[in-house]
Amino acid sequence: MFTSLDPQFRDSLDGAEALSILRTCVHCGFCLATCPTYQLLGDELDSPRGRIYLMKNMLEGQPVSRLTQRHLDRCLTCRSCETTCPSGVQYGRLVDIGRSYAEAHVPRGPLDSFKRVLLKTVLPRPMLFRPLLAVGRVFRPLLPRALRRKIPAYQPPGPWPEARHERRMLV
């Protein structure tokens, strides 16, 4: 695919790498079959091929919008598209470059920034996540329906299986 990157970006290391990756894609669409966001939403712009077009336009100097940023953010970076790509497009690396470029050109609002920091802080730490989930479950009936559906109801753990025979340890 013919690509002419923005002169400011083209001479950077990320620019050279992005150009190489963009030129690898032949837009065959094999990636669509394995992309979970495309399967769920059915929007071409939420597929690897659609995001590649968005990143190509963005890196060629077209204005970056919140909508472009949203489509890039929806990618799970699961890289399942890479497993089906006959051209070997390194989509994971390209989307990283595209996200950092969009982040530099479209400032996030304070609420969005707060949510991102909260998710980065809480999700990887079970000692923080579990108590917050418990608080969310307590206040679940008071939340708006859209938010209520995202907090699972408490399910007590099931019973332990009963032993069928006496345990022995082999030494």
C-alpha atoms as a PDB file:
ATOM      1  CA  MET A   1       0.000   0.000   0.000  1.00  0.00           C
ATOM      2  CA  PHE A   2       1.364   3.442  -0.885  1.00  0.00           C
ATOM      3  CA  THR A   3       1.985   5.404   2.275  1.00  0.00           C
ATOM      4  CA  SER A   4       3.449   8.870   2.680  1.00  0.00           C
ATOM      5  CA  LEU A   5       3.908   9.599   6.359  1.00  0.00           C
ATOM      6  CA  ASP A   6       3.839  13.056   7.906  1.00  0.00           C
ATOM      7  CA  PRO A   7       7.401  14.485   7.555  1.00  0.00           C
ATOM      8  CA  GLN A   8       7.679  15.148  11.305  1.00  0.00           C
ATOM      9  CA  PHE A   9       6.845  11.537  12.108  1.00  0.00           C
ATOM     10  CA  ARG A  10       8.514   9.822   9.139  1.00  0.00           C
ATOM     11  CA  ASP A  11      12.074  10.526  10.323  1.00  0.00           C
ATOM     12  CA  SER A  12      11.553   9.062  13.803  1.00  0.00           C
ATOM     13  CA  LEU A  13      12.283   5.447  14.761  1.00  0.00           C
ATOM     14  CA  ASP A  14       8.579   4.775  15.316  1.00  0.00           C
ATOM     15  CA  GLY A  15       7.815   6.354  11.943  1.00  0.00           C
ATOM     16  CA  ALA A  16      10.186   4.073  10.072  1.00  0.00           C
ATOM     17  CA  GLU A  17       8.821   1.019  11.879  1.00  0.00           C
ATOM     18  CA  ALA A  18       5.187   2.043  11.304  1.00  0.00           C
ATOM     19  CA  LEU A  19       5.863   2.634   7.612  1.00  0.00           C
ATOM     20  CA  SER A  20       7.396  -0.820   7.274  1.00  0.00           C
ATOM     21  CA  ILE A  21       4.449  -2.476   9.036  1.00  0.00           C
ATOM     22  CA  LEU A  22       1.844  -0.489   7.080  1.00  0.00           C
ATOM     23  CA  ARG A  23       3.425  -1.511   3.791  1.00  0.00           C
ATOM     24  CA  THR A  24       3.271  -5.179   4.819  1.00  0.00           C
ATOM     25  CA  CYS A  25      -0.542  -5.235   5.050  1.00  0.00           C
ATOM     26  CA  VAL A  26      -2.348  -6.286   1.849  1.00  0.00           C
ATOM     27  CA  HIS A  27      -5.863  -5.690   3.300  1.00  0.00           C
ATOM     28  CA  CYS A  28      -7.021  -9.253   2.622  1.00  0.00           C
ATOM     29  CA  GLY A  29      -9.381  -9.252   5.625  1.00  0.00           C
ATOM     30  CA  PHE A  30      -8.340 -12.607   7.101  1.00  0.00           C
ATOM     31  CA  CYS A  31      -7.820 -10.811  10.416  1.00  0.00           C
ATOM     32  CA  LEU A  32     -11.526  -9.983  10.704  1.00  0.00           C
ATOM     33  CA  ALA A  33     -12.453 -13.594  11.422  1.00  0.00           C
ATOM     34  CA  THR A  34     -10.296 -13.726  14.560  1.00  0.00           C
ATOM     35  CA  CYS A  35     -10.797 -10.204  15.946  1.00  0.00           C
ATOM     36  CA  PRO A  36     -13.055 -10.294  19.035  1.00  0.00           C
ATOM     37  CA  THR A  37     -14.012  -6.603  18.877  1.00  0.00           C
ATOM     38  CA  TYR A  38     -15.005  -6.867  15.223  1.00  0.00           C
ATOM     39  CA  GLN A  39     -17.016 -10.016  15.926  1.00  0.00           C
ATOM     40  CA  LEU A  40     -18.802  -8.295  18.803  1.00  0.00           C
ATOM     41  CA  LEU A  41     -19.390  -4.843  17.273  1.00  0.00           C
ATOM     42  CA  GLY A  42     -19.446  -5.634  13.542  1.00  0.00           C
ATOM     43  CA  ASP A  43     -17.879  -2.271  12.677  1.00  0.00           C
ATOM     44  CA  GLU A  44     -15.045  -2.312  10.131  1.00  0.00           C
ATOM     45  CA  LEU A  45     -13.281   0.475  12.056  1.00  0.00           C
ATOM     46  CA  ASP A  46     -13.172  -1.851  15.072  1.00  0.00           C
ATOM     47  CA  SER A  47     -11.279  -4.490  13.095  1.00  0.00           C
ATOM     48  CA  PRO A  48      -7.514  -4.700  12.552  1.00  0.00           C
ATOM     49  CA  ARG A  49      -7.931  -3.761   8.889  1.00  0.00           C
ATOM     50  CA  GLY A  50     -10.084  -0.749   9.778  1.00  0.00           C
ATOM     51  CA  ARG A  51      -7.687   0.384  12.485  1.00  0.00           C
ATOM     52  CA  ILE A  52      -4.778   0.051  10.064  1.00  0.00           C
ATOM     53  CA  TYR A  53      -6.597   2.436   7.697  1.00  0.00           C
ATOM     54  CA  LEU A  54      -7.249   4.822  10.607  1.00  0.00           C
ATOM     55  CA  MET A  55      -3.587   4.702  11.665  1.00  0.00           C
ATOM     56  CA  LYS A  56      -2.405   5.166   8.074  1.00  0.00           C
ATOM     57  CA  ASN A  57      -4.551   8.295   7.709  1.00  0.00           C
ATOM     58  CA  MET A  58      -3.483   9.567  11.116  1.00  0.00           C
ATOM     59  CA  LEU A  59       0.242   9.014  10.484  1.00  0.00           C
ATOM     60  CA  GLU A  60      -0.044  10.652   7.061  1.00  0.00           C
ATOM     61  CA  GLY A  61      -1.022  13.876   8.814  1.00  0.00           C
ATOM     62  CA  GLN A  62      -4.808  13.823   8.799  1.00  0.00           C
ATOM     63  CA  PRO A  63      -6.341  15.178  12.008  1.00  0.00           C
ATOM     64  CA  VAL A  64      -6.689  12.757  14.904  1.00  0.00           C
ATOM     65  CA  SER A  65     -10.096  12.745  16.578  1.00  0.00           C
ATOM     66  CA  ARG A  66     -11.530  11.297  19.772  1.00  0.00           C
ATOM     67  CA  LEU A  67     -13.370   8.821  17.538  1.00  0.00           C
ATOM     68  CA  THR A  68     -10.078   7.561  16.087  1.00  0.00           C
ATOM     69  CA  GLN A  69      -8.692   7.278  19.600  1.00  0.00           C
ATOM     70  CA  ARG A  70     -11.784   5.342  20.715  1.00  0.00           C
ATOM     71  CA  HIS A  71     -11.418   2.811  17.892  1.00  0.00           C
ATOM     72  CA  LEU A  72      -7.750   2.301  18.814  1.00  0.00           C
ATOM     73  CA  ASP A  73      -8.644   1.979  22.505  1.00  0.00           C
ATOM     74  CA  ARG A  74     -11.205  -0.732  21.761  1.00  0.00           C
ATOM     75  CA  CYS A  75      -8.490  -3.056  20.484  1.00  0.00           C
ATOM     76  CA  LEU A  76      -7.761  -5.672  23.156  1.00  0.00           C
ATOM     77  CA  THR A  77      -4.224  -6.156  21.814  1.00  0.00           C
ATOM     78  CA  CYS A  78      -4.829  -9.902  21.973  1.00  0.00           C
ATOM     79  CA  ARG A  79      -2.921 -10.196  18.671  1.00  0.00           C
ATOM     80  CA  SER A  80      -5.117 -13.030  17.419  1.00  0.00           C
ATOM     81  CA  CYS A  81      -5.191 -11.180  14.094  1.00  0.00           C
ATOM     82  CA  GLU A  82      -1.442 -11.788  13.780  1.00  0.00           C
ATOM     83  CA  THR A  83      -1.980 -15.545  13.847  1.00  0.00           C
ATOM     84  CA  THR A  84      -4.173 -15.474  10.731  1.00  0.00           C
ATOM     85  CA  CYS A  85      -2.340 -12.783   8.778  1.00  0.00           C
ATOM     86  CA  PRO A  86      -0.684 -14.308   5.686  1.00  0.00           C
ATOM     87  CA  SER A  87       1.543 -11.225   5.318  1.00  0.00           C
ATOM     88  CA  GLY A  88       2.886 -11.344   8.871  1.00  0.00           C
ATOM     89  CA  VAL A  89       1.750  -7.841   9.851  1.00  0.00           C
ATOM     90  CA  GLN A  90       3.002  -6.988  13.346  1.00  0.00           C
ATOM     91  CA  TYR A  91      -0.316  -5.459  14.328  1.00  0.00           C
ATOM     92  CA  GLY A  92       0.427  -5.341  18.067  1.00  0.00           C
ATOM     93  CA  ARG A  93       3.430  -3.111  17.516  1.00  0.00           C
ATOM     94  CA  LEU A  94       1.579  -0.919  15.006  1.00  0.00           C
ATOM     95  CA  VAL A  95      -1.341  -0.323  17.354  1.00  0.00           C
ATOM     96  CA  ASP A  96       1.121   0.608  20.133  1.00  0.00           C
ATOM     97  CA  ILE A  97       2.669   3.218  17.833  1.00  0.00           C
ATOM     98  CA  GLY A  98      -0.772   4.455  16.770  1.00  0.00           C
ATOM     99  CA  ARG A  99      -2.004   4.763  20.341  1.00  0.00           C
ATOM    100  CA  SER A 100       1.032   6.730  21.472  1.00  0.00           C
ATOM    101  CA  TYR A 101       0.691   9.042  18.444  1.00  0.00           C
ATOM    102  CA  ALA A 102      -3.019   9.588  19.138  1.00  0.00           C
ATOM    103  CA  GLU A 103      -2.325  10.133  22.840  1.00  0.00           C
ATOM    104  CA  ALA A 104       0.159  12.886  21.965  1.00  0.00           C
ATOM    105  CA  HIS A 105      -2.300  14.633  19.628  1.00  0.00           C
ATOM    106  CA  VAL A 106      -5.673  14.251  21.385  1.00  0.00           C
ATOM    107  CA  PRO A 107      -5.754  15.174  25.070  1.00  0.00           C
ATOM    108  CA  ARG A 108      -8.028  13.083  27.240  1.00  0.00           C
ATOM    109  CA  GLY A 109     -10.611  14.686  29.482  1.00  0.00           C
ATOM    110  CA  PRO A 110     -10.153  14.641  33.259  1.00  0.00           C
ATOM    111  CA  LEU A 111     -12.801  11.957  33.814  1.00  0.00           C
ATOM    112  CA  ASP A 112     -11.307   9.682  31.145  1.00  0.00           C
ATOM    113  CA  SER A 113      -7.804  10.212  32.568  1.00  0.00           C
ATOM    114  CA  PHE A 114      -9.058   9.402  36.070  1.00  0.00           C
ATOM    115  CA  LYS A 115     -10.744   6.187  34.870  1.00  0.00           C
ATOM    116  CA  ARG A 116      -7.574   5.077  33.081  1.00  0.00           C
ATOM    117  CA  VAL A 117      -5.383   5.690  36.144  1.00  0.00           C
ATOM    118  CA  LEU A 118      -7.914   3.916  38.343  1.00  0.00           C
ATOM    119  CA  LEU A 119      -8.008   0.874  36.054  1.00  0.00           C
ATOM    120  CA  LYS A 120      -4.210   0.722  35.778  1.00  0.00           C
ATOM    121  CA  THR A 121      -3.912   0.942  39.556  1.00  0.00           C
ATOM    122  CA  VAL A 122      -6.731  -1.336  40.707  1.00  0.00           C
ATOM    123  CA  LEU A 123      -7.102  -4.173  38.179  1.00  0.00           C
ATOM    124  CA  PRO A 124      -3.598  -5.645  38.472  1.00  0.00           C
ATOM    125  CA  ARG A 125      -3.774  -5.636  42.288  1.00  0.00           C
ATOM    126  CA  PRO A 126      -6.212  -8.207  43.742  1.00  0.00           C
ATOM    127  CA  MET A 127      -5.761  -6.767  47.248  1.00  0.00           C
ATOM    128  CA  LEU A 128      -7.316  -3.508  45.982  1.00  0.00           C
ATOM    129  CA  PHE A 129      -9.733  -4.973  43.461  1.00  0.00           C
ATOM    130  CA  ARG A 130     -11.546  -7.425  45.760  1.00  0.00           C
ATOM    131  CA  PRO A 131     -12.545  -4.874  48.444  1.00  0.00           C
ATOM    132  CA  LEU A 132     -13.670  -2.381  45.800  1.00  0.00           C
ATOM    133  CA  LEU A 133     -15.729  -5.076  44.092  1.00  0.00           C
ATOM    134  CA  ALA A 134     -17.326  -5.913  47.455  1.00  0.00           C
ATOM    135  CA  VAL A 135     -18.229  -2.231  47.954  1.00  0.00           C
ATOM    136  CA  GLY A 136     -19.631  -2.158  44.423  1.00  0.00           C
ATOM    137  CA  ARG A 137     -21.787  -5.192  45.182  1.00  0.00           C
ATOM    138  CA  VAL A 138     -23.196  -3.504  48.303  1.00  0.00           C
ATOM    139  CA  PHE A 139     -24.193  -0.400  46.337  1.00  0.00           C
ATOM    140  CA  ARG A 140     -25.173  -2.337  43.206  1.00  0.00           C
ATOM    141  CA  PRO A 141     -28.948  -1.828  43.620  1.00  0.00           C
ATOM    142  CA  LEU A 142     -28.436   1.954  43.744  1.00  0.00           C
ATOM    143  CA  LEU A 143     -26.386   2.166  40.561  1.00  0.00           C
ATOM    144  CA  PRO A 144     -27.734   3.006  37.105  1.00  0.00           C
ATOM    145  CA  ARG A 145     -28.729  -0.082  35.106  1.00  0.00           C
ATOM    146  CA  ALA A 146     -25.803   0.154  32.663  1.00  0.00           C
ATOM    147  CA  LEU A 147     -23.302   0.163  35.529  1.00  0.00           C
ATOM    148  CA  ARG A 148     -25.262  -2.400  37.555  1.00  0.00           C
ATOM    149  CA  ARG A 149     -24.915  -4.974  34.758  1.00  0.00           C
ATOM    150  CA  LYS A 150     -21.133  -4.654  34.899  1.00  0.00           C
ATOM    151  CA  ILE A 151     -20.896  -5.652  38.561  1.00  0.00           C
ATOM    152  CA  PRO A 152     -21.593  -9.369  39.036  1.00  0.00           C
ATOM    153  CA  ALA A 153     -23.921 -10.395  41.840  1.00  0.00           C
ATOM    154  CA  TYR A 154     -22.297 -12.281  44.702  1.00  0.00           C
ATOM    155  CA  GLN A 155     -22.255 -16.041  44.284  1.00  0.00           C
ATOM    156  CA  PRO A 156     -21.165 -18.025  47.321  1.00  0.00           C
ATOM    157  CA  PRO A 157     -18.534 -20.666  46.661  1.00  0.00           C
ATOM    158  CA  GLY A 158     -19.848 -24.153  46.020  1.00  0.00           C
ATOM    159  CA  PRO A 159     -19.387 -27.043  48.440  1.00  0.00           C
ATOM    160  CA  TRP A 160     -16.084 -28.874  48.628  1.00  0.00           C
ATOM    161  CA  PRO A 161     -16.109 -32.267  46.965  1.00  0.00           C
ATOM    162  CA  GLU A 162     -16.341 -35.153  49.387  1.00  0.00           C
ATOM    163  CA  ALA A 163     -13.453 -37.587  49.678  1.00  0.00           C
ATOM    164  CA  ARG A 164     -14.196 -40.969  48.119  1.00  0.00           C
ATOM    165  CA  HIS A 165     -11.333 -42.757  49.805  1.00  0.00           C
ATOM    166  CA  GLU A 166      -8.673 -42.211  52.406  1.00  0.00           C
ATOM    167  CA  ARG A 167      -5.772 -40.139  51.180  1.00  0.00           C
ATOM    168  CA  ARG A 168      -2.313 -41.719  50.907  1.00  0.00           C
ATOM    169  CA  MET A 169       0.984 -40.129  50.100  1.00  0.00           C
ATOM    170  CA  LEU A 170       3.414 -42.004  47.886  1.00  0.00           C
ATOM    171  CA  VAL A 171       7.037 -41.590  48.842  1.00  0.00           C
END
